Structures are given as C-alpha cells and as structure tokens.
C-alpha cells in the first residue's frame, strides 16, 4: 500500500470512530429517562409472559 493510501485509510477509521461516538452519545441522550427499553427487550419480555 502506498503512504497516501495508508494515511487516507487511517483518517477514515478515525472519522468513523468519531461519528460512531457522537451517534452513540446522541442515542443515549435520547433514550435517557425512558424505561421502555429497546424493541428487542420489549419483545423478549412479552415472550416470557406467554
């Protein structure tokens, strides 16, 4: 791989991590205070009741 390709690839990885962190933080903030849980969690609880 060329030096330029390695630099580009590394920059993309850092950018992807930064985007993932911001999105994760936004989702945590949006869900804060909700007690419903995810759709999967609610479905699993519903299955246990039946």
N, C-alpha and C. Protein backbone atom coordinates (compact mmCIF):
# COMPACT_ATOMS: atom_id res chain seq x y z
N UNK A 1 0.84 -1.17 0.00
CA UNK A 1 0.00 0.00 0.00
C UNK A 1 0.89 1.24 0.00
N UNK A 2 0.45 2.25 -0.68
CA UNK A 2 1.22 3.48 -0.71
C UNK A 2 1.02 4.27 0.57
N UNK A 3 1.92 5.19 0.82
CA UNK A 3 1.82 6.03 2.02
C UNK A 3 0.52 6.82 2.01
N UNK A 4 0.17 7.36 0.85
CA UNK A 4 -1.07 8.14 0.74
C UNK A 4 -2.28 7.27 1.07
N UNK A 5 -2.29 6.05 0.60
CA UNK A 5 -3.41 5.15 0.87
C UNK A 5 -3.50 4.84 2.36
N UNK A 6 -2.36 4.63 3.00
CA UNK A 6 -2.37 4.35 4.44
C UNK A 6 -2.88 5.55 5.23
N UNK A 7 -2.46 6.75 4.84
CA UNK A 7 -2.93 7.96 5.51
C UNK A 7 -4.43 8.11 5.33
N UNK A 8 -4.91 7.89 4.10
CA UNK A 8 -6.35 8.01 3.81
C UNK A 8 -7.14 6.99 4.61
N UNK A 9 -6.64 5.77 4.65
CA UNK A 9 -7.34 4.69 5.37
C UNK A 9 -7.39 5.01 6.87
N UNK A 10 -6.30 5.49 7.43
CA UNK A 10 -6.25 5.82 8.85
C UNK A 10 -7.21 6.97 9.16
N UNK A 11 -7.24 7.97 8.30
CA UNK A 11 -8.14 9.11 8.51
C UNK A 11 -9.59 8.66 8.49
N UNK A 12 -9.92 7.74 7.61
CA UNK A 12 -11.28 7.21 7.54
C UNK A 12 -11.67 6.47 8.80
N UNK A 13 -10.74 5.71 9.36
CA UNK A 13 -11.00 4.97 10.59
C UNK A 13 -11.28 5.92 11.75
N UNK A 14 -10.44 6.95 11.87
CA UNK A 14 -10.65 7.94 12.94
C UNK A 14 -11.98 8.65 12.77
N UNK A 15 -12.32 8.99 11.55
CA UNK A 15 -13.58 9.67 11.27
C UNK A 15 -14.76 8.77 11.62
N UNK A 16 -14.67 7.50 11.26
CA UNK A 16 -15.74 6.54 11.57
C UNK A 16 -15.93 6.40 13.08
N UNK A 17 -14.83 6.35 13.82
CA UNK A 17 -14.92 6.24 15.29
C UNK A 17 -15.57 7.48 15.88
N UNK A 18 -15.21 8.65 15.36
CA UNK A 18 -15.78 9.90 15.87
C UNK A 18 -17.28 9.96 15.59
N UNK A 19 -17.69 9.55 14.39
CA UNK A 19 -19.10 9.54 14.04
C UNK A 19 -19.87 8.56 14.93
N UNK A 20 -19.30 7.38 15.15
CA UNK A 20 -19.96 6.37 15.98
C UNK A 20 -20.12 6.87 17.42
N UNK A 21 -19.11 7.57 17.94
CA UNK A 21 -19.20 8.09 19.31
C UNK A 21 -20.30 9.14 19.41
N UNK A 22 -20.34 10.07 18.47
CA UNK A 22 -21.35 11.13 18.51
C UNK A 22 -22.75 10.53 18.39
N UNK A 23 -22.92 9.57 17.49
CA UNK A 23 -24.23 8.95 17.32
C UNK A 23 -24.62 8.17 18.57
N UNK A 24 -23.68 7.45 19.16
CA UNK A 24 -23.96 6.71 20.38
C UNK A 24 -24.36 7.62 21.53
N UNK A 25 -23.63 8.73 21.66
CA UNK A 25 -23.97 9.70 22.71
C UNK A 25 -25.35 10.29 22.48
N UNK A 26 -25.68 10.60 21.22
CA UNK A 26 -26.99 11.17 20.90
C UNK A 26 -28.10 10.18 21.22
N UNK A 27 -27.89 8.92 20.90
CA UNK A 27 -28.90 7.90 21.19
C UNK A 27 -29.09 7.71 22.69
N UNK A 28 -27.99 7.71 23.44
CA UNK A 28 -28.10 7.58 24.90
C UNK A 28 -28.88 8.75 25.47
N UNK A 29 -28.60 9.95 24.98
CA UNK A 29 -29.30 11.14 25.47
C UNK A 29 -30.78 11.07 25.12
N UNK A 30 -31.10 10.59 23.94
CA UNK A 30 -32.49 10.50 23.50
C UNK A 30 -33.26 9.46 24.32
N UNK A 31 -32.58 8.40 24.71
CA UNK A 31 -33.25 7.33 25.46
C UNK A 31 -33.25 7.58 26.96
N UNK A 32 -32.50 8.57 27.42
CA UNK A 32 -32.40 8.85 28.84
C UNK A 32 -33.79 9.14 29.41
N UNK A 33 -34.11 8.49 30.47
CA UNK A 33 -35.40 8.70 31.11
C UNK A 33 -36.49 7.78 30.61
N UNK A 34 -36.24 7.06 29.52
CA UNK A 34 -37.26 6.12 29.06
C UNK A 34 -37.03 4.78 29.76
N UNK A 35 -38.08 4.13 30.09
CA UNK A 35 -37.96 2.84 30.77
C UNK A 35 -38.50 1.70 29.90
N UNK A 36 -38.81 2.02 28.67
CA UNK A 36 -39.39 1.02 27.79
C UNK A 36 -38.37 0.00 27.32
N UNK A 37 -37.13 0.41 27.13
CA UNK A 37 -36.13 -0.49 26.59
C UNK A 37 -36.25 -0.56 25.08
N UNK A 38 -35.38 -1.32 24.47
CA UNK A 38 -35.41 -1.45 23.02
C UNK A 38 -36.55 -2.36 22.58
N UNK A 39 -36.82 -2.38 21.31
CA UNK A 39 -37.87 -3.24 20.77
C UNK A 39 -37.57 -4.70 21.06
N UNK A 40 -36.29 -5.06 20.98
CA UNK A 40 -35.90 -6.44 21.27
C UNK A 40 -36.16 -6.78 22.73
N UNK A 41 -35.82 -5.86 23.62
CA UNK A 41 -36.04 -6.11 25.04
C UNK A 41 -37.52 -6.25 25.36
N UNK A 42 -38.35 -5.40 24.74
CA UNK A 42 -39.80 -5.49 24.98
C UNK A 42 -40.36 -6.80 24.42
N UNK A 43 -39.87 -7.22 23.26
CA UNK A 43 -40.35 -8.47 22.67
C UNK A 43 -39.97 -9.67 23.53
N UNK A 44 -38.77 -9.65 24.08
CA UNK A 44 -38.35 -10.76 24.94
C UNK A 44 -39.20 -10.83 26.21
N UNK A 45 -39.53 -9.67 26.77
CA UNK A 45 -40.41 -9.66 27.95
C UNK A 45 -41.78 -10.19 27.61
N UNK A 46 -42.29 -9.82 26.43
CA UNK A 46 -43.61 -10.29 26.00
C UNK A 46 -43.61 -11.80 25.82
N UNK A 47 -42.51 -12.35 25.27
CA UNK A 47 -42.42 -13.80 25.07
C UNK A 47 -42.43 -14.54 26.41
N UNK A 48 -41.77 -13.99 27.41
CA UNK A 48 -41.72 -14.63 28.72
C UNK A 48 -43.09 -14.69 29.38
N UNK A 49 -43.94 -13.71 29.09
CA UNK A 49 -45.28 -13.66 29.68
C UNK A 49 -46.20 -14.74 29.10
N UNK A 50 -45.91 -15.19 27.88
CA UNK A 50 -46.79 -16.17 27.22
C UNK A 50 -46.32 -17.56 27.43
